[in-house]
Amino acid sequence: MATKPLNICLVSSEFASLAKTGGLGDVSSALSSYLHSAGHDVRVLIPRYSRIDALGLEIDPVPALADMSVRLGNREVHFSIDRLTLESGLPVYLVRCPEFYGRDAIYTNDDDEHLRFALLSRAALEMCQRFGFAPDIMSCHDWQTSLIPLYLKSIYSWDELFSNTKSVLTIHNIGYQGQFGSWIMDHLSLNGAEHHLHQDDFKSGVINFLKTGVMYADLVTTVSPTYAREILGEDYGMGLNDLLWQRVDSVVGILNGVDYGEWDPATDPLIPANYSPKDMSGKRVCKERLMQEMGLEIVPERPLLGIVTRLAGQKGIELVDQVIPRILDCRDCAIVVLGSGEERYEHFFEWLSQRFPGRAAFYRGYNNDLAHWIEAGSDVFLMPSLYEPSGLNQMYSMKYGTVPVVRETGGLADSVDQIDPATGDGTGVVFRHYDAPGFEWAVSTALNYYANKDLWQKVIANGMAKDFSWDEQGSRYVELFDELRGAA
């Protein structure tokens, strides 16, 4: 625990309950909430996307942060910063700039995508200046805020307000780096500072936001210890592995935590029936209701496989394509899938539901209520990821008494323990090699274990007893932040 409260400015492109596409939103929300509850002065800043306005929340203008502007190249960009106070008292500040954020999507392929997040980075530092808020830590998340470490060391280095500020860059998924043509240099307010950029990239006509952040952040964290090791190699480093190796002593992996205020079957208001380790009867109700809702045959004793995911290659959907039809052909089980993404995978799951009516169901898109239903109503949860920086669904699954089947990578390897049928130890089934035989073995093994009711109940109890709350993971961030403050 820090010796005294920290001043933290946490900047993110996503924040759960307001705007999210994945785990980044969950983590930025849960981490900032933990830090706030631990007594630290946390100021969160995100864009005010148009979808936030649609939520009907009470958002107040901040007079001291009205009518601000920054120069991005030859453009003077005007914006204001508003404030939303969560029930916990945590202040969330929102950059109001309809020109950049008044769009249907959080992320776009528009020509000004670099400007949208360069503005977010500049706005964070301008907000601190207007408030006279001297952050001990600028907590930056993924490529969208990766210019902040460089801005602190270049165009804002004159301001003594930031003289002791340290930057921490958290990489949630190294596969997304924010790469743009070097023509955007004039738009980043870094003219005269070209030497700060990665020179080989710059000479090749590329500016990489995430690489810039890795170069200049005082500390780089990732969202699991295994992922921190994996990205040091060529297979998972996505071209940044050599640079990360140069900074290996400043790269730390901290497994993501779970917000049990939202994900707990004993209190979850979204599921058909609540349950706990002391009384699991509600889980059967959830399974039957899920089967009914998704048009499956209501056979409570039939093992039900669940998937909630983005339908992308990273998530191992090609293995599902190769294995699950064969499993359904030869084993008495059912599957329910929630997700959207690559068209070929959507078509596969649509075909699967037609090929196995009553035993396979697919919901295209995202539905938060249904995501909770699948966690509660499934017996087995499938995550055969090619890589998975942290993953949260495997941790949700364990809490809901749903046994995860995962590949041994990233946060999946750090959070799921292989079942030992001789002792009853373990929480899930883990396969190592990313191939169809490995995944088929894992699914078949889980179904075999399901048939052993005594073993299955022991494994369920093991998983539900696991504690992945932010109390543990959040305290590790505080320790690192405090060490950086001491170094300052």
Protein backbone atom coordinates (compact mmCIF):
# COMPACT_ATOMS: atom_id res chain seq x y z
CA MET A 1 0.00 0.00 0.00
CA ALA A 2 1.25 3.50 -0.83
CA THR A 3 2.68 5.49 2.08
CA LYS A 4 0.42 8.40 1.12
CA PRO A 5 -2.35 8.85 -1.46
CA LEU A 6 -1.26 9.04 -5.07
CA ASN A 7 -2.39 11.59 -7.64
CA ILE A 8 -3.33 9.58 -10.73
CA CYS A 9 -4.65 10.68 -14.10
CA LEU A 10 -5.98 7.63 -15.93
CA VAL A 11 -6.58 8.15 -19.64
CA SER A 12 -8.37 5.58 -21.78
CA SER A 13 -10.37 5.32 -24.98
CA GLU A 14 -12.86 3.01 -23.23
CA PHE A 15 -14.62 2.81 -19.87
CA ALA A 16 -17.10 0.07 -19.01
CA SER A 17 -20.75 1.10 -18.68
CA LEU A 18 -20.03 4.18 -20.79
CA ALA A 19 -18.16 3.01 -23.89
CA LYS A 20 -16.39 -0.30 -24.41
CA THR A 21 -15.58 -2.84 -27.07
CA GLY A 22 -13.70 -5.30 -24.87
CA GLY A 23 -11.49 -5.87 -21.86
CA LEU A 24 -9.86 -2.44 -22.05
CA GLY A 25 -13.11 -0.83 -20.95
CA ASP A 26 -13.56 -3.30 -18.10
CA VAL A 27 -10.04 -2.80 -16.79
CA SER A 28 -9.93 1.00 -17.00
CA SER A 29 -13.22 1.13 -15.09
CA ALA A 30 -12.37 -1.48 -12.47
CA LEU A 31 -8.81 -0.29 -11.88
CA SER A 32 -9.78 3.35 -11.46
CA SER A 33 -12.65 2.36 -9.15
CA TYR A 34 -10.26 0.31 -7.03
CA LEU A 35 -7.74 3.14 -6.83
CA HIS A 36 -10.47 5.59 -5.87
CA SER A 37 -11.85 3.30 -3.17
CA ALA A 38 -8.31 2.87 -1.81
CA GLY A 39 -8.15 6.61 -1.15
CA HIS A 40 -6.11 7.85 -4.11
CA ASP A 41 -6.99 11.00 -6.07
CA VAL A 42 -7.96 9.56 -9.46
CA ARG A 43 -9.05 11.67 -12.42
CA VAL A 44 -10.32 9.55 -15.33
CA LEU A 45 -10.49 11.04 -18.83
CA ILE A 46 -12.22 9.48 -21.84
CA PRO A 47 -13.79 10.88 -25.02
CA ARG A 48 -17.44 11.91 -24.90
CA TYR A 49 -18.67 9.60 -27.65
CA SER A 50 -22.17 10.12 -29.00
CA ARG A 51 -23.23 6.77 -27.50
CA ILE A 52 -22.56 8.18 -24.03
CA ASP A 53 -25.07 10.97 -24.63
CA ALA A 54 -27.65 8.32 -25.51
CA LEU A 55 -27.37 6.86 -21.99
CA GLY A 56 -29.23 9.80 -20.46
CA LEU A 57 -26.71 10.34 -17.66
CA GLU A 58 -26.30 13.51 -15.65
CA ILE A 59 -23.17 15.04 -17.17
CA ASP A 60 -22.16 18.51 -16.03
CA PRO A 61 -19.97 21.06 -17.77
CA VAL A 62 -16.86 22.12 -15.86
CA PRO A 63 -16.47 25.91 -16.14
CA ALA A 64 -12.70 25.74 -15.68
CA LEU A 65 -12.48 23.27 -18.56
CA ALA A 66 -14.74 25.01 -21.06
CA ASP A 67 -13.74 26.44 -24.44
CA MET A 68 -10.27 24.92 -24.51
CA SER A 69 -8.17 24.49 -27.62
CA VAL A 70 -4.95 22.92 -28.81
CA ARG A 71 -3.12 23.26 -32.09
CA LEU A 72 -2.78 20.04 -34.05
CA GLY A 73 -0.71 20.91 -37.09
CA ASN A 74 -2.28 23.87 -38.85
CA ARG A 75 -5.63 23.28 -37.10
CA GLU A 76 -6.89 24.84 -33.93
CA VAL A 77 -9.08 22.17 -32.35
CA HIS A 78 -11.65 23.39 -29.84
CA PHE A 79 -13.07 21.22 -27.08
CA SER A 80 -14.49 21.27 -23.57
CA ILE A 81 -14.28 18.76 -20.77
CA ASP A 82 -17.39 17.71 -18.86
CA ARG A 83 -17.75 15.70 -15.68
CA LEU A 84 -19.74 12.64 -14.68
CA THR A 85 -19.60 11.51 -11.06
CA LEU A 86 -20.20 7.80 -10.52
CA GLU A 87 -22.14 6.50 -7.54
CA SER A 88 -18.83 5.64 -5.89
CA GLY A 89 -17.79 9.29 -6.11
CA LEU A 90 -15.18 8.60 -8.79
CA PRO A 91 -15.02 11.54 -11.22
CA VAL A 92 -14.99 10.66 -14.90
CA TYR A 93 -14.12 13.53 -17.22
CA LEU A 94 -15.24 13.49 -20.85
CA VAL A 95 -13.64 15.33 -23.76
CA ARG A 96 -16.49 16.99 -25.64
CA CYS A 97 -15.53 17.49 -29.26
CA PRO A 98 -18.39 16.46 -31.58
CA GLU A 99 -16.16 16.88 -34.61
CA PHE A 100 -14.04 13.95 -33.44
CA TYR A 101 -16.24 11.89 -31.13
CA GLY A 102 -19.78 12.43 -32.39
CA ARG A 103 -19.69 9.30 -34.51
CA ASP A 104 -21.47 5.97 -34.40
CA ALA A 105 -18.38 3.94 -33.52
CA ILE A 106 -15.71 4.26 -30.85
CA TYR A 107 -13.02 3.43 -33.41
CA THR A 108 -13.14 4.26 -37.11
CA ASN A 109 -11.15 3.92 -40.30
CA ASP A 110 -11.53 7.64 -40.96
CA ASP A 111 -8.57 9.71 -42.14
CA ASP A 112 -8.45 11.65 -38.87
CA GLU A 113 -8.26 8.66 -36.49
CA HIS A 114 -4.79 9.78 -35.38
CA LEU A 115 -6.14 13.24 -34.53
CA ARG A 116 -8.98 11.82 -32.42
CA PHE A 117 -6.55 10.20 -30.02
CA ALA A 118 -3.79 12.77 -30.25
CA LEU A 119 -6.45 15.16 -28.95
CA LEU A 120 -7.31 12.78 -26.10
CA SER A 121 -3.65 12.70 -25.05
CA ARG A 122 -3.26 16.48 -25.27
CA ALA A 123 -6.57 17.06 -23.47
CA ALA A 124 -5.40 14.96 -20.50
CA LEU A 125 -2.35 17.13 -19.98
CA GLU A 126 -4.26 20.36 -20.60
CA MET A 127 -6.86 19.28 -18.02
CA CYS A 128 -4.14 18.72 -15.43
CA GLN A 129 -2.74 22.17 -16.16
CA ARG A 130 -6.12 23.89 -15.84
CA PHE A 131 -6.77 22.14 -12.52
CA GLY A 132 -3.24 22.66 -11.23
CA PHE A 133 -3.32 18.89 -10.66
CA ALA A 134 0.20 17.44 -10.50
CA PRO A 135 -0.17 13.71 -11.21
CA ASP A 136 2.31 11.33 -9.69
CA ILE A 137 1.24 8.88 -12.38
CA MET A 138 -0.17 9.28 -15.86
CA SER A 139 -1.82 5.89 -16.39
CA CYS A 140 -2.05 5.36 -20.17
CA HIS A 141 -3.86 2.49 -21.88
CA ASP A 142 -3.10 1.02 -25.31
CA TRP A 143 -2.08 2.91 -28.43
CA GLN A 144 -4.80 5.53 -28.19
CA THR A 145 -3.00 7.24 -25.27
CA SER A 146 0.58 6.21 -26.09
CA LEU A 147 1.68 9.70 -27.11
CA ILE A 148 1.36 10.95 -23.53
CA PRO A 149 4.79 9.65 -22.37
CA LEU A 150 6.46 11.46 -25.28
CA TYR A 151 4.42 14.64 -24.80
CA LEU A 152 5.54 14.74 -21.16
CA LYS A 153 9.16 14.58 -22.28
CA SER A 154 8.81 17.07 -25.14
CA ILE A 155 6.20 19.79 -25.57
CA TYR A 156 5.10 19.72 -21.89
CA SER A 157 8.57 19.29 -20.39
CA TRP A 158 8.73 23.03 -19.62
CA ASP A 159 5.90 22.82 -17.08
CA GLU A 160 7.11 22.17 -13.54
CA LEU A 161 3.66 20.80 -12.74
CA PHE A 162 4.83 17.59 -14.43
CA SER A 163 8.40 17.63 -13.12
CA ASN A 164 7.80 14.54 -10.95
CA THR A 165 5.15 12.87 -13.11
CA LYS A 166 5.84 9.32 -14.23
CA SER A 167 4.04 7.62 -17.10
CA VAL A 168 2.82 4.02 -17.05
CA LEU A 169 1.69 2.45 -20.32
CA THR A 170 -0.54 -0.61 -20.01
CA ILE A 171 -0.66 -2.84 -23.09
CA HIS A 172 -3.99 -4.65 -23.29
CA ASN A 173 -3.46 -6.08 -26.77
CA ILE A 174 -0.19 -5.55 -28.61
CA GLY A 175 -1.86 -6.50 -31.88
CA TYR A 176 -3.37 -3.00 -32.11
CA GLN A 177 -0.59 -0.42 -32.38
CA GLY A 178 -1.96 2.69 -34.07
CA GLN A 179 0.26 2.81 -37.15
CA PHE A 180 -0.06 5.77 -39.48
CA GLY A 181 1.87 7.34 -42.32
CA SER A 182 4.61 9.76 -41.33
CA TRP A 183 2.62 12.50 -43.06
CA ILE A 184 0.71 12.90 -39.77
CA MET A 185 3.85 14.31 -38.13
CA ASP A 186 2.65 17.87 -38.75
CA HIS A 187 -0.60 17.05 -36.90
CA LEU A 188 1.01 15.84 -33.66
CA SER A 189 2.53 19.13 -32.43
CA LEU A 190 5.94 17.45 -32.49
CA ASN A 191 7.61 19.49 -35.22
CA GLY A 192 11.25 19.88 -34.30
CA ALA A 193 11.04 16.73 -32.21
CA GLU A 194 11.26 14.20 -35.05
CA HIS A 195 14.38 12.77 -33.45
CA HIS A 196 12.21 11.46 -30.60
CA LEU A 197 10.38 9.05 -32.90
CA HIS A 198 11.61 5.60 -33.88
CA GLN A 199 13.99 6.59 -36.64
CA ASP A 200 13.86 3.43 -38.76
CA ASP A 201 10.07 3.64 -38.79
CA PHE A 202 10.09 7.36 -39.54
CA LYS A 203 12.48 6.93 -42.45
CA SER A 204 10.19 4.19 -43.75
CA GLY A 205 7.24 6.56 -43.63
CA VAL A 206 5.58 5.16 -40.50
CA ILE A 207 4.64 6.56 -37.09
CA ASN A 208 3.61 3.89 -34.58
CA PHE A 209 1.80 5.26 -31.51
CA LEU A 210 2.24 2.18 -29.33
CA LYS A 211 5.92 1.84 -30.17
CA THR A 212 6.39 5.48 -29.23
CA GLY A 213 4.73 4.82 -25.88
CA VAL A 214 6.94 1.80 -25.23
CA MET A 215 10.00 3.93 -25.97
CA TYR A 216 9.13 6.73 -23.54
CA ALA A 217 6.90 5.36 -20.77
CA ASP A 218 8.65 5.07 -17.43
CA LEU A 219 7.03 1.67 -16.93
CA VAL A 220 5.26 -0.74 -19.29
CA THR A 221 2.69 -3.11 -17.83
CA THR A 222 0.67 -5.83 -19.49
CA VAL A 223 -2.45 -7.59 -18.33
CA SER A 224 -0.95 -10.91 -17.26
CA PRO A 225 2.50 -12.24 -16.28
CA THR A 226 2.53 -14.85 -19.05
CA TYR A 227 1.61 -12.26 -21.68
CA ALA A 228 4.46 -10.05 -20.45
CA ARG A 229 6.83 -12.92 -21.25
CA GLU A 230 5.13 -13.86 -24.51
CA ILE A 231 5.43 -10.42 -26.10
CA LEU A 232 9.19 -10.55 -25.67
CA GLY A 233 9.28 -13.20 -28.40
CA GLU A 234 8.69 -12.95 -32.14
CA ASP A 235 5.49 -15.02 -32.13
CA TYR A 236 3.57 -12.61 -29.90
CA GLY A 237 5.62 -9.41 -29.90
CA MET A 238 4.06 -8.17 -33.15
CA GLY A 239 7.26 -6.40 -34.15
CA LEU A 240 7.82 -4.73 -30.77
CA ASN A 241 9.64 -7.63 -29.13
CA ASP A 242 13.16 -6.28 -29.72
CA LEU A 243 12.23 -2.90 -28.26
CA LEU A 244 10.56 -4.56 -25.28
CA TRP A 245 13.64 -6.71 -24.70
CA GLN A 246 15.71 -3.52 -24.48
CA ARG A 247 13.38 -2.46 -21.64
CA VAL A 248 12.80 -5.88 -20.11
CA ASP A 249 13.44 -4.65 -16.56
CA SER A 250 10.62 -2.13 -17.00
CA VAL A 251 8.03 -4.57 -18.36
CA VAL A 252 5.70 -6.04 -15.73
CA GLY A 253 2.68 -8.33 -16.09
CA ILE A 254 -0.30 -8.00 -13.72
CA LEU A 255 -3.29 -10.25 -14.23
CA ASN A 256 -6.54 -8.38 -14.71
CA GLY A 257 -9.05 -8.47 -11.91
CA VAL A 258 -12.78 -9.12 -11.93
CA ASP A 259 -15.48 -6.74 -10.77
CA TYR A 260 -17.48 -9.08 -8.56
CA GLY A 261 -19.99 -6.31 -8.01
CA GLU A 262 -21.15 -7.08 -11.56
CA TRP A 263 -20.08 -10.70 -11.98
CA ASP A 264 -21.36 -12.75 -9.03
CA PRO A 265 -24.16 -15.31 -9.43
CA ALA A 266 -25.27 -14.73 -5.85
CA THR A 267 -26.24 -11.12 -6.57
CA ASP A 268 -26.36 -10.80 -10.39
CA PRO A 269 -29.69 -9.08 -11.23
CA LEU A 270 -29.47 -10.05 -14.91
CA ILE A 271 -29.68 -13.84 -14.60
CA PRO A 272 -32.94 -15.82 -14.19
CA ALA A 273 -32.05 -17.17 -10.72
CA ASN A 274 -29.31 -16.42 -8.24
CA TYR A 275 -27.19 -19.13 -6.69
CA SER A 276 -24.06 -19.64 -4.59
CA PRO A 277 -21.74 -22.50 -3.59
CA LYS A 278 -24.08 -23.26 -0.67
CA ASP A 279 -27.15 -23.54 -2.91
CA MET A 280 -26.56 -24.30 -6.57
CA SER A 281 -30.18 -24.97 -7.49
CA GLY A 282 -30.41 -21.62 -9.31
CA LYS A 283 -27.79 -22.72 -11.84
CA ARG A 284 -30.11 -25.43 -13.17
CA VAL A 285 -32.85 -22.82 -13.52
CA CYS A 286 -30.44 -20.59 -15.47
CA LYS A 287 -29.52 -23.48 -17.76
CA GLU A 288 -33.11 -24.40 -18.53
CA ARG A 289 -34.09 -20.77 -19.17
CA LEU A 290 -31.07 -20.26 -21.41
CA MET A 291 -31.96 -23.36 -23.43
CA GLN A 292 -35.52 -22.15 -23.75
CA GLU A 293 -34.53 -18.58 -24.69
CA MET A 294 -32.09 -19.75 -27.37
CA GLY A 295 -34.43 -22.32 -28.91
CA LEU A 296 -32.47 -25.35 -27.73
CA GLU A 297 -34.02 -28.63 -26.65
CA ILE A 298 -34.57 -28.37 -22.90
CA VAL A 299 -32.56 -31.35 -21.72
CA PRO A 300 -31.06 -30.27 -18.37
CA GLU A 301 -28.70 -33.25 -18.10
CA ARG A 302 -27.19 -32.58 -21.53
CA PRO A 303 -23.86 -30.72 -21.17
CA LEU A 304 -24.09 -27.19 -22.56
CA LEU A 305 -21.04 -25.48 -24.05
CA GLY A 306 -20.92 -21.68 -24.08
CA ILE A 307 -18.97 -19.08 -26.06
CA VAL A 308 -19.07 -15.29 -25.66
CA THR A 309 -16.44 -13.66 -27.83
CA ARG A 310 -15.39 -11.39 -30.63
CA LEU A 311 -15.40 -13.56 -33.75
CA ALA A 312 -11.80 -13.06 -34.82
CA GLY A 313 -8.85 -15.27 -35.61
CA GLN A 314 -7.16 -14.38 -32.33
CA LYS A 315 -10.02 -16.04 -30.43
CA GLY A 316 -9.42 -19.48 -31.94
CA ILE A 317 -12.68 -19.62 -33.89
CA GLU A 318 -10.98 -21.62 -36.64
CA LEU A 319 -10.45 -24.41 -34.10
CA VAL A 320 -14.12 -24.25 -33.15
CA ASP A 321 -14.93 -24.54 -36.87
CA GLN A 322 -12.74 -27.64 -37.21
CA VAL A 323 -13.74 -29.41 -33.99
CA ILE A 324 -17.23 -28.57 -32.73
CA PRO A 325 -19.24 -30.02 -35.66
CA ARG A 326 -17.44 -33.33 -35.09
CA ILE A 327 -18.08 -33.14 -31.34
CA LEU A 328 -21.78 -32.51 -31.92
CA ASP A 329 -21.89 -35.43 -34.37
CA CYS A 330 -20.51 -37.96 -31.89
CA ARG A 331 -21.33 -36.59 -28.42
CA ASP A 332 -24.65 -35.73 -26.79
CA CYS A 333 -24.05 -32.06 -25.98
CA ALA A 334 -25.28 -28.61 -27.04
CA ILE A 335 -23.66 -25.23 -27.67
CA VAL A 336 -24.74 -21.59 -27.45
CA VAL A 337 -22.66 -18.78 -28.98
CA LEU A 338 -22.84 -15.00 -28.59
CA GLY A 339 -20.62 -12.81 -30.73
CA SER A 340 -19.97 -10.90 -33.92
CA GLY A 341 -16.97 -10.14 -36.07
CA GLU A 342 -15.51 -11.67 -39.21
CA GLU A 343 -18.21 -12.58 -41.68
CA ARG A 344 -16.85 -16.07 -42.36
CA TYR A 345 -17.16 -16.96 -38.67
CA GLU A 346 -20.64 -15.52 -38.41
CA HIS A 347 -21.65 -17.65 -41.39
CA PHE A 348 -20.11 -20.71 -39.75
CA PHE A 349 -22.15 -20.33 -36.57
CA GLU A 350 -25.31 -19.65 -38.56
CA TRP A 351 -24.63 -22.89 -40.47
CA LEU A 352 -23.92 -24.74 -37.21
CA SER A 353 -27.30 -23.75 -35.75
CA GLN A 354 -29.02 -24.99 -38.92
CA ARG A 355 -26.99 -28.20 -39.05
CA PHE A 356 -27.80 -29.07 -35.43
CA PRO A 357 -31.24 -27.60 -34.68
CA GLY A 358 -32.11 -27.79 -31.04
CA ARG A 359 -28.49 -28.38 -30.07
CA ALA A 360 -26.70 -25.31 -31.47
CA ALA A 361 -27.76 -21.67 -31.17
CA PHE A 362 -26.11 -18.46 -32.31
CA TYR A 363 -26.85 -14.83 -31.38
CA ARG A 364 -25.11 -12.42 -33.73
CA GLY A 365 -24.01 -9.20 -32.06
CA TYR A 366 -23.54 -8.31 -28.41
CA ASN A 367 -26.10 -8.57 -25.64
CA ASN A 368 -24.90 -7.92 -22.10
CA ASP A 369 -27.85 -9.69 -20.47
CA LEU A 370 -27.31 -12.75 -22.65
CA ALA A 371 -23.59 -12.75 -21.83
CA HIS A 372 -24.52 -13.13 -18.15
CA TRP A 373 -27.08 -15.82 -18.99
CA ILE A 374 -24.48 -17.84 -20.91
CA GLU A 375 -21.98 -17.63 -18.06
CA ALA A 376 -24.63 -18.78 -15.60
CA GLY A 377 -26.42 -21.37 -17.75
CA SER A 378 -23.51 -23.13 -19.45
CA ASP A 379 -21.65 -26.10 -18.04
CA VAL A 380 -18.45 -25.54 -20.04
CA PHE A 381 -17.04 -22.28 -21.42
CA LEU A 382 -14.76 -22.44 -24.48
CA MET A 383 -11.76 -20.11 -25.00
CA PRO A 384 -9.35 -21.73 -27.49
CA SER A 385 -7.48 -18.47 -28.14
CA LEU A 386 -4.43 -18.19 -30.35
CA TYR A 387 -3.31 -15.57 -27.85
CA GLU A 388 -5.14 -13.93 -24.97
CA PRO A 389 -3.40 -11.09 -23.12
CA SER A 390 -5.55 -11.55 -20.03
CA GLY A 391 -9.06 -12.71 -20.70
CA LEU A 392 -11.89 -12.15 -18.26
CA ASN A 393 -14.53 -14.66 -19.33
CA GLN A 394 -12.58 -17.61 -17.96
CA MET A 395 -12.60 -15.87 -14.56
CA TYR A 396 -16.29 -14.99 -14.83
CA SER A 397 -16.96 -18.63 -15.72
CA MET A 398 -15.26 -20.01 -12.63
CA LYS A 399 -17.26 -17.68 -10.40
CA TYR A 400 -20.47 -18.89 -12.09
CA GLY A 401 -19.63 -22.57 -11.66
CA THR A 402 -18.96 -22.98 -15.38
CA VAL A 403 -15.80 -24.94 -16.17
CA PRO A 404 -13.45 -23.22 -18.65
CA VAL A 405 -11.67 -24.99 -21.50
CA VAL A 406 -8.73 -22.80 -22.50
CA ARG A 407 -5.47 -22.80 -24.39
CA GLU A 408 -2.30 -22.34 -22.39
CA THR A 409 -1.54 -18.74 -23.32
CA GLY A 410 -1.46 -15.32 -21.64
CA GLY A 411 -3.91 -14.76 -18.83
CA LEU A 412 -5.64 -18.06 -19.56
CA ALA A 413 -2.49 -19.89 -18.48
CA ASP A 414 -2.21 -17.69 -15.39
CA SER A 415 -5.77 -18.19 -14.17
CA VAL A 416 -6.93 -21.73 -15.05
CA ASP A 417 -5.45 -24.83 -13.40
CA GLN A 418 -5.64 -28.20 -15.13
CA ILE A 419 -8.02 -30.67 -13.51
CA ASP A 420 -6.40 -33.69 -11.86
CA PRO A 421 -9.10 -36.38 -11.79
CA ALA A 422 -7.13 -38.39 -9.22
CA THR A 423 -7.22 -35.64 -6.60
CA GLY A 424 -10.08 -33.42 -7.74
CA ASP A 425 -7.73 -30.44 -7.87
CA GLY A 426 -7.93 -27.89 -10.68
CA THR A 427 -10.46 -25.52 -12.20
CA GLY A 428 -10.57 -26.29 -15.93
CA VAL A 429 -9.12 -28.09 -18.93
CA VAL A 430 -5.99 -26.58 -20.48
CA PHE A 431 -4.49 -27.57 -23.84
CA ARG A 432 -1.09 -26.39 -25.03
CA HIS A 433 -0.71 -26.58 -28.79
CA TYR A 434 -2.86 -24.40 -31.01
CA ASP A 435 -4.29 -27.11 -33.25
CA ALA A 436 -7.50 -29.05 -33.76
CA PRO A 437 -6.33 -32.27 -32.05
CA GLY A 438 -5.41 -30.35 -28.89
CA PHE A 439 -8.72 -28.52 -28.75
CA GLU A 440 -10.70 -31.68 -29.50
CA TRP A 441 -8.90 -33.47 -26.69
CA ALA A 442 -9.74 -30.63 -24.31
CA VAL A 443 -13.46 -30.51 -25.17
CA SER A 444 -13.78 -34.30 -25.05
CA THR A 445 -11.95 -34.41 -21.73
CA ALA A 446 -14.30 -31.79 -20.27
CA LEU A 447 -17.33 -33.80 -21.42
CA ASN A 448 -15.86 -36.96 -19.89
CA TYR A 449 -15.31 -35.17 -16.59
CA TYR A 450 -18.86 -33.80 -16.72
CA ALA A 451 -20.13 -37.39 -16.69
CA ASN A 452 -18.31 -37.93 -13.37
CA LYS A 453 -20.70 -35.95 -11.17
CA ASP A 454 -18.60 -36.09 -7.99
CA LEU A 455 -15.49 -34.85 -9.80
CA TRP A 456 -17.47 -32.18 -11.66
CA GLN A 457 -18.97 -30.76 -8.48
CA LYS A 458 -15.50 -30.63 -6.91
CA VAL A 459 -14.10 -28.74 -9.90
CA ILE A 460 -17.02 -26.31 -9.81
CA ALA A 461 -16.40 -25.66 -6.12
CA ASN A 462 -12.69 -25.08 -6.79
CA GLY A 463 -13.47 -22.48 -9.43
CA MET A 464 -16.10 -20.65 -7.40
CA ALA A 465 -13.65 -20.39 -4.49
CA LYS A 466 -11.06 -18.58 -6.61
CA ASP A 467 -10.61 -14.87 -5.90
CA PHE A 468 -9.64 -12.74 -8.89
CA SER A 469 -10.91 -9.50 -7.34
CA TRP A 470 -9.13 -6.20 -7.81
CA ASP A 471 -8.06 -6.19 -4.16
CA GLU A 472 -5.03 -8.29 -5.12
CA GLN A 473 -4.28 -7.02 -8.62
CA GLY A 474 -5.05 -3.40 -7.76
CA SER A 475 -2.66 -3.40 -4.83
CA ARG A 476 0.11 -4.52 -7.20
CA TYR A 477 -0.50 -1.45 -9.37
CA VAL A 478 -0.35 0.73 -6.27
CA GLU A 479 2.98 -0.81 -5.28
CA LEU A 480 4.44 -0.10 -8.71
CA PHE A 481 3.02 3.42 -8.82
CA ASP A 482 4.44 4.14 -5.36
CA GLU A 483 7.86 2.84 -6.37
CA LEU A 484 7.84 5.16 -9.37
CA ARG A 485 6.84 8.10 -7.19
CA GLY A 486 9.73 7.29 -4.88
CA ALA A 487 12.09 7.19 -7.85
CA ALA A 488 10.84 10.62 -8.90
